[in-house]
């Protein structure tokens, strides 16, 4: 079959009048292939740089205060999904408190969202015993976890830029050196 295709192609090329068509097709191919490649690269680049908008959600703090996530636009926000029985969450909490204290007056906000399976009294006790200075919410129905890419693992954090777009999803204990570097850059703080 391959020889049939080669024979047909050769016959077409050598048929009187088709040489011009063959030459035009070769030139067209030389132009179209780079255009298609450039188009694909541009599409991929555009797709990869588009950050999804953070979900439209209201957090209800342990004190009963409602915080619409949209009300935090204009600030860098870290939404941290955690649990009182999560070793990594407990490990990162002191450093999260320090980072919050360092940047809160510079345009940084943290919302700590306790997972649905966490018992409310445990969350309250932990928050009080550790004097958590940022808003703490209990995602009792799992709505926040679902809207944030169906979070199931803790700790999971989302960094949201000043325009309300999710710029990073981080699973596991936070890299606080990297977080501070990001905050310094985005908030215009001298490092």
N, C-alpha and C. Protein backbone atom coordinates (compact mmCIF):
# COMPACT_ATOMS: atom_id res chain seq x y z
N UNK A 1 0.83 -1.19 0.00
CA UNK A 1 0.00 0.00 0.00
C UNK A 1 0.87 1.26 0.00
N UNK A 2 1.96 1.24 0.77
CA UNK A 2 2.86 2.38 0.82
C UNK A 2 3.44 2.68 -0.56
N UNK A 3 3.76 1.63 -1.31
CA UNK A 3 4.31 1.84 -2.65
C UNK A 3 3.25 2.43 -3.58
N UNK A 4 1.96 2.07 -3.37
CA UNK A 4 0.88 2.65 -4.16
C UNK A 4 0.80 4.16 -3.94
N UNK A 5 0.94 4.58 -2.66
CA UNK A 5 0.87 6.01 -2.34
C UNK A 5 2.06 6.73 -2.97
N UNK A 6 3.24 6.13 -2.85
CA UNK A 6 4.43 6.74 -3.45
C UNK A 6 4.28 6.86 -4.96
N UNK A 7 3.77 5.82 -5.58
CA UNK A 7 3.58 5.84 -7.04
C UNK A 7 2.59 6.91 -7.45
N UNK A 8 1.49 7.05 -6.69
CA UNK A 8 0.48 8.06 -7.00
C UNK A 8 1.07 9.46 -6.84
N UNK A 9 1.83 9.64 -5.75
CA UNK A 9 2.46 10.94 -5.50
C UNK A 9 3.44 11.27 -6.62
N UNK A 10 4.24 10.31 -7.02
CA UNK A 10 5.22 10.54 -8.10
C UNK A 10 4.50 10.86 -9.40
N UNK A 11 3.42 10.14 -9.68
CA UNK A 11 2.67 10.40 -10.91
C UNK A 11 2.09 11.80 -10.90
N UNK A 12 1.58 12.23 -9.72
CA UNK A 12 1.01 13.57 -9.60
C UNK A 12 2.08 14.63 -9.84
N UNK A 13 3.25 14.45 -9.19
CA UNK A 13 4.33 15.42 -9.32
C UNK A 13 4.79 15.57 -10.77
N UNK A 14 4.82 14.46 -11.50
CA UNK A 14 5.38 14.50 -12.85
C UNK A 14 4.32 14.70 -13.93
N UNK A 15 3.10 14.86 -13.55
CA UNK A 15 2.04 15.13 -14.53
C UNK A 15 2.19 16.57 -14.98
N UNK A 16 2.10 16.82 -16.27
CA UNK A 16 2.28 18.19 -16.78
C UNK A 16 1.30 19.16 -16.10
N UNK A 17 1.80 20.30 -15.65
CA UNK A 17 0.95 21.32 -15.05
C UNK A 17 0.86 21.23 -13.53
N UNK A 18 1.22 20.11 -12.96
CA UNK A 18 1.10 19.94 -11.51
C UNK A 18 2.35 20.41 -10.77
N UNK A 19 3.42 20.68 -11.49
CA UNK A 19 4.64 21.12 -10.83
C UNK A 19 4.41 22.42 -10.07
N UNK A 20 3.62 23.32 -10.66
CA UNK A 20 3.32 24.58 -10.00
C UNK A 20 2.52 24.34 -8.72
N UNK A 21 1.56 23.41 -8.77
CA UNK A 21 0.74 23.09 -7.59
C UNK A 21 1.64 22.50 -6.50
N UNK A 22 2.52 21.60 -6.86
CA UNK A 22 3.43 20.97 -5.90
C UNK A 22 4.33 22.03 -5.27
N UNK A 23 4.86 22.91 -6.06
CA UNK A 23 5.73 23.98 -5.54
C UNK A 23 4.96 24.88 -4.58
N UNK A 24 3.73 25.23 -4.95
CA UNK A 24 2.89 26.09 -4.09
C UNK A 24 2.58 25.38 -2.77
N UNK A 25 2.27 24.09 -2.83
CA UNK A 25 1.96 23.34 -1.61
C UNK A 25 3.19 23.26 -0.70
N UNK A 26 4.36 23.07 -1.28
CA UNK A 26 5.59 23.02 -0.47
C UNK A 26 5.85 24.36 0.22
N UNK A 27 5.64 25.45 -0.51
CA UNK A 27 5.83 26.78 0.07
C UNK A 27 4.78 27.05 1.16
N UNK A 28 3.56 26.66 0.87
CA UNK A 28 2.47 26.85 1.83
C UNK A 28 2.75 26.07 3.12
N UNK A 29 3.25 24.86 2.98
CA UNK A 29 3.57 24.03 4.14
C UNK A 29 4.67 24.70 4.97
N UNK A 30 5.66 25.28 4.31
CA UNK A 30 6.75 25.96 5.03
C UNK A 30 6.23 27.16 5.82
N UNK A 31 5.17 27.78 5.36
CA UNK A 31 4.59 28.94 6.04
C UNK A 31 3.59 28.50 7.11
N UNK A 32 2.73 27.55 6.78
CA UNK A 32 1.67 27.15 7.70
C UNK A 32 2.17 26.43 8.95
N UNK A 33 3.14 25.58 8.81
CA UNK A 33 3.63 24.82 9.98
C UNK A 33 4.14 25.78 11.06
N UNK A 34 5.00 26.74 10.74
CA UNK A 34 5.43 27.66 11.80
C UNK A 34 4.27 28.48 12.39
N UNK A 35 3.33 28.88 11.56
CA UNK A 35 2.18 29.65 12.05
C UNK A 35 1.36 28.80 13.03
N UNK A 36 1.12 27.56 12.69
CA UNK A 36 0.36 26.67 13.58
C UNK A 36 1.12 26.44 14.88
N UNK A 37 2.42 26.22 14.79
CA UNK A 37 3.24 26.01 16.00
C UNK A 37 3.21 27.25 16.89
N UNK A 38 3.39 28.43 16.30
CA UNK A 38 3.35 29.67 17.08
C UNK A 38 1.98 29.86 17.71
N UNK A 39 0.93 29.56 16.97
CA UNK A 39 -0.43 29.66 17.51
C UNK A 39 -0.64 28.74 18.70
N UNK A 40 -0.16 27.51 18.60
CA UNK A 40 -0.30 26.56 19.71
C UNK A 40 0.48 27.02 20.93
N UNK A 41 1.69 27.52 20.72
CA UNK A 41 2.50 28.00 21.84
C UNK A 41 1.82 29.20 22.50
N UNK A 42 1.29 30.11 21.71
CA UNK A 42 0.60 31.27 22.26
C UNK A 42 -0.63 30.84 23.06
N UNK A 43 -1.39 29.90 22.54
CA UNK A 43 -2.58 29.40 23.24
C UNK A 43 -2.20 28.76 24.57
N UNK A 44 -1.17 27.92 24.55
CA UNK A 44 -0.72 27.27 25.79
C UNK A 44 -0.22 28.29 26.80
N UNK A 45 0.55 29.25 26.33
CA UNK A 45 1.05 30.29 27.22
C UNK A 45 -0.07 31.08 27.84
N UNK A 46 -1.06 31.44 27.05
CA UNK A 46 -2.21 32.18 27.55
C UNK A 46 -2.98 31.34 28.55
N UNK A 47 -3.19 30.07 28.24
CA UNK A 47 -3.94 29.17 29.14
C UNK A 47 -3.23 29.00 30.47
N UNK A 48 -1.92 28.88 30.43
CA UNK A 48 -1.16 28.65 31.66
C UNK A 48 -1.06 29.89 32.53
N UNK A 49 -1.18 31.08 31.94
CA UNK A 49 -1.06 32.30 32.73
C UNK A 49 -2.40 32.78 33.27
N UNK A 50 -3.48 32.22 32.81
CA UNK A 50 -4.79 32.61 33.30
C UNK A 50 -5.04 31.98 34.67
N UNK A 51 -5.23 32.81 35.67
CA UNK A 51 -5.47 32.33 37.03
C UNK A 51 -6.97 32.34 37.28
N UNK A 52 -7.47 31.25 37.88
CA UNK A 52 -8.91 31.19 38.13
C UNK A 52 -9.33 32.16 39.23
N UNK A 53 -10.52 32.68 39.10
CA UNK A 53 -11.09 33.57 40.11
C UNK A 53 -11.39 32.74 41.35
N UNK A 54 -11.14 33.31 42.52
CA UNK A 54 -11.48 32.63 43.77
C UNK A 54 -12.99 32.48 43.84
N UNK A 55 -13.48 31.44 44.51
CA UNK A 55 -14.93 31.24 44.56
C UNK A 55 -15.64 32.35 45.32
N UNK A 56 -16.88 32.55 44.96
CA UNK A 56 -17.73 33.53 45.64
C UNK A 56 -18.29 32.83 46.87
N UNK A 57 -17.70 33.10 48.02
CA UNK A 57 -18.06 32.39 49.24
C UNK A 57 -18.01 33.33 50.43
N UNK A 58 -18.84 33.05 51.42
CA UNK A 58 -18.81 33.77 52.68
C UNK A 58 -18.30 32.83 53.76
N UNK A 59 -17.32 33.30 54.52
CA UNK A 59 -16.84 32.54 55.67
C UNK A 59 -17.56 33.07 56.90
N UNK A 60 -17.98 32.18 57.77
CA UNK A 60 -18.58 32.58 59.04
C UNK A 60 -17.59 32.19 60.13
N UNK A 61 -17.09 33.20 60.84
CA UNK A 61 -16.07 32.96 61.86
C UNK A 61 -16.67 32.30 63.09
N UNK A 62 -15.81 31.85 63.96
CA UNK A 62 -16.26 31.24 65.22
C UNK A 62 -17.05 32.23 66.07
N UNK A 63 -16.81 33.52 65.86
CA UNK A 63 -17.54 34.56 66.59
C UNK A 63 -18.86 34.92 65.91
N UNK A 64 -19.15 34.27 64.77
CA UNK A 64 -20.41 34.52 64.06
C UNK A 64 -20.35 35.65 63.05
N UNK A 65 -19.18 36.21 62.83
CA UNK A 65 -19.02 37.28 61.84
C UNK A 65 -18.93 36.68 60.44
N UNK A 66 -19.65 37.27 59.49
CA UNK A 66 -19.60 36.82 58.10
C UNK A 66 -18.56 37.64 57.34
N UNK A 67 -17.65 36.93 56.67
CA UNK A 67 -16.61 37.58 55.86
C UNK A 67 -16.76 37.09 54.42
N UNK A 68 -17.33 37.92 53.54
CA UNK A 68 -17.34 37.54 52.13
C UNK A 68 -15.90 37.58 51.60
N UNK A 69 -15.48 36.53 50.92
CA UNK A 69 -14.13 36.51 50.37
C UNK A 69 -13.92 37.71 49.45
N UNK A 70 -14.96 38.10 48.74
CA UNK A 70 -14.86 39.24 47.83
C UNK A 70 -14.53 40.54 48.57
N UNK A 71 -14.86 40.62 49.87
CA UNK A 71 -14.56 41.84 50.64
C UNK A 71 -13.06 41.98 50.91
N UNK A 72 -12.30 40.93 50.67
CA UNK A 72 -10.86 40.96 50.91
C UNK A 72 -10.07 41.33 49.65
N UNK A 73 -10.80 41.58 48.56
CA UNK A 73 -10.13 41.97 47.32
C UNK A 73 -9.33 43.25 47.58
N UNK A 74 -8.14 43.33 46.99
CA UNK A 74 -7.23 44.43 47.26
C UNK A 74 -6.15 44.03 48.24
N UNK A 75 -6.31 42.83 48.85
CA UNK A 75 -5.31 42.28 49.77
C UNK A 75 -4.81 40.96 49.21
N UNK A 76 -3.64 40.57 49.64
CA UNK A 76 -3.16 39.21 49.40
C UNK A 76 -3.81 38.36 50.49
N UNK A 77 -4.41 37.25 50.09
CA UNK A 77 -5.15 36.42 51.05
C UNK A 77 -4.62 35.00 51.00
N UNK A 78 -4.49 34.40 52.18
CA UNK A 78 -4.14 32.99 52.28
C UNK A 78 -5.33 32.30 52.96
N UNK A 79 -5.98 31.40 52.23
CA UNK A 79 -7.06 30.59 52.80
C UNK A 79 -6.42 29.25 53.13
N UNK A 80 -6.42 28.93 54.43
CA UNK A 80 -5.73 27.75 54.93
C UNK A 80 -6.75 26.75 55.46
N UNK A 81 -6.87 25.60 54.78
CA UNK A 81 -7.73 24.51 55.25
C UNK A 81 -6.91 23.66 56.21
N UNK A 82 -7.43 23.45 57.41
CA UNK A 82 -6.68 22.78 58.46
C UNK A 82 -7.63 21.96 59.34
N UNK A 83 -7.03 21.21 60.25
CA UNK A 83 -7.81 20.43 61.21
C UNK A 83 -7.02 20.32 62.51
N UNK A 84 -7.73 20.21 63.61
CA UNK A 84 -7.06 20.14 64.91
C UNK A 84 -6.31 18.84 65.11
N UNK A 85 -6.65 17.80 64.33
CA UNK A 85 -5.95 16.52 64.46
C UNK A 85 -4.91 16.29 63.36
N UNK A 86 -4.54 17.35 62.67
CA UNK A 86 -3.59 17.28 61.55
C UNK A 86 -2.21 17.73 62.04
N UNK A 87 -1.23 16.80 62.11
CA UNK A 87 0.10 17.17 62.61
C UNK A 87 0.76 18.30 61.81
N UNK A 88 0.64 18.27 60.49
CA UNK A 88 1.24 19.33 59.67
C UNK A 88 0.60 20.68 59.92
N UNK A 89 -0.72 20.67 60.15
CA UNK A 89 -1.44 21.92 60.42
C UNK A 89 -0.96 22.53 61.73
N UNK A 90 -0.84 21.69 62.75
CA UNK A 90 -0.40 22.15 64.06
C UNK A 90 1.05 22.63 63.99
N UNK A 91 1.86 21.93 63.20
CA UNK A 91 3.27 22.31 63.03
C UNK A 91 3.41 23.69 62.40
N UNK A 92 2.59 24.00 61.38
CA UNK A 92 2.75 25.26 60.67
C UNK A 92 2.05 26.44 61.34
N UNK A 93 1.17 26.19 62.29
CA UNK A 93 0.36 27.26 62.86
C UNK A 93 1.19 28.37 63.53
N UNK A 94 2.22 28.06 64.35
CA UNK A 94 3.00 29.16 64.94
C UNK A 94 3.66 30.07 63.88
N UNK A 95 4.16 29.47 62.81
CA UNK A 95 4.79 30.26 61.75
C UNK A 95 3.74 31.04 60.95
N UNK A 96 2.55 30.47 60.81
CA UNK A 96 1.45 31.18 60.14
C UNK A 96 1.05 32.40 60.96
N UNK A 97 1.00 32.23 62.27
CA UNK A 97 0.69 33.36 63.17
C UNK A 97 1.76 34.44 63.01
N UNK A 98 3.04 34.06 63.04
CA UNK A 98 4.13 35.04 62.89
C UNK A 98 4.05 35.78 61.56
N UNK A 99 3.80 35.04 60.48
CA UNK A 99 3.72 35.66 59.15
C UNK A 99 2.54 36.62 59.08
N UNK A 100 1.42 36.20 59.64
CA UNK A 100 0.24 37.07 59.67
C UNK A 100 0.55 38.36 60.43
N UNK A 101 1.17 38.23 61.61
CA UNK A 101 1.49 39.41 62.42
C UNK A 101 2.45 40.35 61.67
N UNK A 102 3.38 39.77 60.94
CA UNK A 102 4.37 40.56 60.20
C UNK A 102 3.77 41.33 59.03
N UNK A 103 2.75 40.75 58.37
CA UNK A 103 2.24 41.33 57.12
C UNK A 103 0.80 41.86 57.18
N UNK A 104 0.09 41.67 58.28
CA UNK A 104 -1.33 42.04 58.32
C UNK A 104 -1.57 43.52 58.06
N UNK A 105 -0.66 44.38 58.51
CA UNK A 105 -0.83 45.82 58.30
C UNK A 105 -0.32 46.28 56.95
N UNK A 106 0.19 45.34 56.17
CA UNK A 106 0.75 45.66 54.86
C UNK A 106 -0.15 45.17 53.72
N UNK A 107 -1.32 44.60 54.07
CA UNK A 107 -2.24 44.14 53.04
C UNK A 107 -2.34 42.63 52.90
N UNK A 108 -2.09 41.91 53.99
CA UNK A 108 -2.16 40.44 53.96
C UNK A 108 -3.23 39.97 54.94
N UNK A 109 -4.03 39.02 54.50
CA UNK A 109 -5.07 38.46 55.35
C UNK A 109 -5.00 36.94 55.30
N UNK A 110 -5.31 36.32 56.42
CA UNK A 110 -5.38 34.86 56.52
C UNK A 110 -6.79 34.51 56.97
N UNK A 111 -7.35 33.49 56.35
CA UNK A 111 -8.60 32.90 56.84
C UNK A 111 -8.31 31.42 57.03
N UNK A 112 -8.40 30.98 58.29
CA UNK A 112 -8.17 29.58 58.62
C UNK A 112 -9.53 28.87 58.61
N UNK A 113 -9.65 27.86 57.76
CA UNK A 113 -10.92 27.16 57.59
C UNK A 113 -10.76 25.73 58.10
N UNK A 114 -11.42 25.45 59.23
CA UNK A 114 -11.36 24.10 59.81
C UNK A 114 -12.27 23.18 59.02
N UNK A 115 -11.82 21.98 58.82
CA UNK A 115 -12.53 21.00 57.99
C UNK A 115 -13.85 20.56 58.63
N UNK A 116 -14.78 20.06 57.81
CA UNK A 116 -16.10 19.67 58.30
C UNK A 116 -16.07 18.59 59.39
N UNK A 117 -15.11 17.67 59.32
CA UNK A 117 -15.06 16.58 60.28
C UNK A 117 -14.51 17.00 61.64
N UNK A 118 -13.95 18.21 61.70
CA UNK A 118 -13.41 18.71 62.97
C UNK A 118 -14.57 19.10 63.89
N UNK A 119 -14.44 18.79 65.15
CA UNK A 119 -15.49 19.12 66.12
C UNK A 119 -15.37 20.60 66.49
N UNK A 120 -16.49 21.29 66.52
CA UNK A 120 -16.52 22.73 66.77
C UNK A 120 -15.82 23.08 68.08
N UNK A 121 -16.09 22.32 69.15
CA UNK A 121 -15.47 22.64 70.43
C UNK A 121 -13.95 22.50 70.38
N UNK A 122 -13.44 21.53 69.63
CA UNK A 122 -11.99 21.37 69.49
C UNK A 122 -11.38 22.58 68.77
N UNK A 123 -12.09 23.07 67.77
CA UNK A 123 -11.61 24.23 67.00
C UNK A 123 -11.57 25.47 67.91
N UNK A 124 -12.64 25.67 68.66
CA UNK A 124 -12.71 26.82 69.57
C UNK A 124 -11.59 26.73 70.61
N UNK A 125 -11.42 25.56 71.22
CA UNK A 125 -10.39 25.37 72.24
C UNK A 125 -9.01 25.63 71.66
N UNK A 126 -8.71 25.05 70.50
CA UNK A 126 -7.40 25.24 69.88
C UNK A 126 -7.18 26.73 69.56
N UNK A 127 -8.18 27.37 68.98
CA UNK A 127 -8.06 28.78 68.59
C UNK A 127 -7.81 29.66 69.79
N UNK A 128 -8.50 29.40 70.89
CA UNK A 128 -8.31 30.20 72.11
C UNK A 128 -6.96 29.90 72.77
N UNK A 129 -6.62 28.63 72.91
CA UNK A 129 -5.37 28.25 73.56
C UNK A 129 -4.14 28.77 72.82
N UNK A 130 -4.26 28.91 71.51
CA UNK A 130 -3.13 29.36 70.69
C UNK A 130 -3.27 30.81 70.23
N UNK A 131 -4.31 31.48 70.73
CA UNK A 131 -4.57 32.90 70.43
C UNK A 131 -4.44 33.19 68.94
N UNK A 132 -5.15 32.42 68.11
CA UNK A 132 -5.09 32.64 66.67
C UNK A 132 -5.59 34.05 66.36
N UNK A 133 -4.75 34.89 65.75
CA UNK A 133 -5.09 36.30 65.56
C UNK A 133 -5.90 36.60 64.30
N UNK A 134 -6.07 35.62 63.45
CA UNK A 134 -6.77 35.80 62.18
C UNK A 134 -8.13 35.12 62.26
N UNK A 135 -9.02 35.44 61.31
CA UNK A 135 -10.34 34.81 61.33
C UNK A 135 -10.26 33.30 61.18
N UNK A 136 -11.04 32.61 61.99
CA UNK A 136 -11.13 31.15 61.94
C UNK A 136 -12.58 30.79 61.67
N UNK A 137 -12.79 29.96 60.65
CA UNK A 137 -14.14 29.52 60.30
C UNK A 137 -14.19 28.00 60.38
N UNK A 138 -15.39 27.47 60.66
CA UNK A 138 -15.60 26.02 60.63
C UNK A 138 -16.45 25.73 59.41
N UNK A 139 -15.92 24.95 58.51
CA UNK A 139 -16.62 24.58 57.27
C UNK A 139 -17.53 23.39 57.57
N UNK A 140 -18.52 23.60 58.42
CA UNK A 140 -19.34 22.50 58.95
C UNK A 140 -20.07 21.70 57.88
N UNK A 141 -20.45 22.33 56.79
CA UNK A 141 -21.17 21.64 55.71
C UNK A 141 -20.25 21.23 54.55
N UNK A 142 -18.99 21.63 54.61
CA UNK A 142 -18.05 21.28 53.54
C UNK A 142 -18.17 22.13 52.30
N UNK A 143 -18.92 23.23 52.39
CA UNK A 143 -19.14 24.09 51.23
C UNK A 143 -17.84 24.75 50.75
N UNK A 144 -17.04 25.26 51.69
CA UNK A 144 -15.80 25.94 51.31
C UNK A 144 -14.82 24.95 50.69
N UNK A 145 -14.66 23.80 51.33
CA UNK A 145 -13.75 22.77 50.80
C UNK A 145 -14.16 22.39 49.38
N UNK A 146 -15.45 22.25 49.15
CA UNK A 146 -15.93 21.88 47.82
C UNK A 146 -15.66 22.97 46.79
N UNK A 147 -15.92 24.22 47.16
CA UNK A 147 -15.71 25.32 46.21
C UNK A 147 -14.24 25.58 45.92
N UNK A 148 -13.37 25.21 46.85
CA UNK A 148 -11.93 25.35 46.63
C UNK A 148 -11.36 24.02 46.15
N UNK A 149 -11.77 23.58 44.99
CA UNK A 149 -11.21 22.38 44.34
C UNK A 149 -11.41 21.11 45.14
N UNK A 150 -12.47 21.05 45.92
CA UNK A 150 -12.83 19.85 46.68
C UNK A 150 -11.67 19.39 47.58
N UNK A 151 -11.26 20.28 48.48
CA UNK A 151 -10.15 20.00 49.40
C UNK A 151 -10.49 18.81 50.27
N UNK A 152 -9.56 17.87 50.36
CA UNK A 152 -9.73 16.69 51.21
C UNK A 152 -8.52 16.45 52.11
N UNK A 153 -7.40 17.07 51.78
CA UNK A 153 -6.15 16.85 52.49
C UNK A 153 -5.78 18.13 53.24
N UNK A 154 -5.31 17.96 54.47
CA UNK A 154 -4.86 19.12 55.23
C UNK A 154 -3.40 18.94 55.61
N UNK A 155 -2.66 20.03 55.70
CA UNK A 155 -3.07 21.39 55.34
C UNK A 155 -3.05 21.61 53.83
N UNK A 156 -4.01 22.38 53.37
CA UNK A 156 -4.06 22.84 51.98
C UNK A 156 -4.32 24.34 52.04
N UNK A 157 -3.48 25.09 51.35
CA UNK A 157 -3.61 26.55 51.35
C UNK A 157 -3.76 27.08 49.93
N UNK A 158 -4.49 28.16 49.83
CA UNK A 158 -4.69 28.85 48.56
C UNK A 158 -4.21 30.28 48.74
N UNK A 159 -3.38 30.74 47.82
CA UNK A 159 -2.94 32.13 47.83
C UNK A 159 -3.75 32.86 46.77
N UNK A 160 -4.38 33.93 47.20
CA UNK A 160 -5.26 34.71 46.33
C UNK A 160 -4.66 36.11 46.20
N UNK A 161 -4.54 36.56 44.95
CA UNK A 161 -3.92 37.87 44.72
C UNK A 161 -4.90 39.01 44.99
N UNK A 162 -4.42 40.24 44.82
CA UNK A 162 -5.23 41.42 45.11
C UNK A 162 -6.45 41.54 44.20
N UNK A 163 -6.41 40.88 43.05
CA UNK A 163 -7.54 40.92 42.11
C UNK A 163 -8.53 39.79 42.37
N UNK A 164 -8.29 39.00 43.41
CA UNK A 164 -9.22 37.91 43.76
C UNK A 164 -9.02 36.65 42.94
N UNK A 165 -7.82 36.47 42.37
CA UNK A 165 -7.53 35.27 41.59
C UNK A 165 -6.66 34.32 42.40
N UNK A 166 -6.93 33.04 42.28
CA UNK A 166 -6.11 32.03 42.95
C UNK A 166 -4.81 31.91 42.17
N UNK A 167 -3.70 32.21 42.84
CA UNK A 167 -2.41 32.14 42.17
C UNK A 167 -1.66 30.87 42.51
N UNK A 168 -1.96 30.29 43.68
CA UNK A 168 -1.28 29.05 44.06
C UNK A 168 -2.19 28.20 44.93
N UNK A 169 -2.06 26.89 44.74
CA UNK A 169 -2.67 25.91 45.64
C UNK A 169 -1.50 25.11 46.20
N UNK A 170 -1.39 25.10 47.52
CA UNK A 170 -0.26 24.45 48.17
C UNK A 170 -0.76 23.36 49.11
N UNK A 171 -0.31 22.15 48.90
CA UNK A 171 -0.71 21.03 49.74
C UNK A 171 0.48 20.67 50.63
N UNK A 172 0.23 20.57 51.91
CA UNK A 172 1.30 20.26 52.86
C UNK A 172 1.70 21.50 53.64
N UNK A 173 2.67 21.32 54.50
CA UNK A 173 3.15 22.42 55.33
C UNK A 173 3.73 23.51 54.43
N UNK A 174 3.36 24.74 54.72
CA UNK A 174 3.79 25.88 53.90
C UNK A 174 5.29 26.09 53.97
N UNK A 175 5.85 26.55 52.85
CA UNK A 175 7.23 27.00 52.79
C UNK A 175 7.18 28.50 53.11
N UNK A 176 7.46 28.84 54.37
CA UNK A 176 7.28 30.22 54.81
C UNK A 176 8.31 31.17 54.22
N UNK A 177 9.50 30.70 53.90
CA UNK A 177 10.49 31.57 53.24
C UNK A 177 9.95 31.99 51.87
N UNK A 178 9.39 31.04 51.13
CA UNK A 178 8.82 31.34 49.82
C UNK A 178 7.60 32.25 49.95
N UNK A 179 6.77 31.99 50.96
CA UNK A 179 5.58 32.82 51.17
C UNK A 179 5.99 34.26 51.48
N UNK A 180 6.97 34.44 52.34
CA UNK A 180 7.42 35.81 52.68
C UNK A 180 8.02 36.50 51.46
N UNK A 181 8.74 35.76 50.66
CA UNK A 181 9.31 36.32 49.43
C UNK A 181 8.19 36.81 48.51
N UNK A 182 7.15 35.99 48.37
CA UNK A 182 6.00 36.36 47.54
C UNK A 182 5.31 37.60 48.11
N UNK A 183 5.08 37.61 49.41
CA UNK A 183 4.41 38.75 50.04
C UNK A 183 5.24 40.02 49.91
N UNK A 184 6.56 39.92 50.09
CA UNK A 184 7.42 41.09 49.92
C UNK A 184 7.28 41.67 48.51
N UNK A 185 7.27 40.78 47.52
CA UNK A 185 7.17 41.22 46.13
C UNK A 185 5.79 41.82 45.84
N UNK A 186 4.75 41.10 46.22
CA UNK A 186 3.38 41.54 45.87
C UNK A 186 2.90 42.73 46.68
N UNK A 187 3.40 42.87 47.89
CA UNK A 187 2.96 43.96 48.75
C UNK A 187 3.94 45.14 48.75
N UNK A 188 5.02 45.01 47.98
CA UNK A 188 6.00 46.08 47.87
C UNK A 188 6.76 46.32 49.17
N UNK A 189 7.04 45.23 49.88
CA UNK A 189 7.75 45.33 51.14
C UNK A 189 9.23 45.02 50.89
N UNK A 190 10.10 45.84 51.46
CA UNK A 190 11.54 45.59 51.32
C UNK A 190 11.90 44.34 52.09
N UNK A 191 12.57 43.40 51.42
CA UNK A 191 12.93 42.11 52.03
C UNK A 191 14.12 42.26 52.85
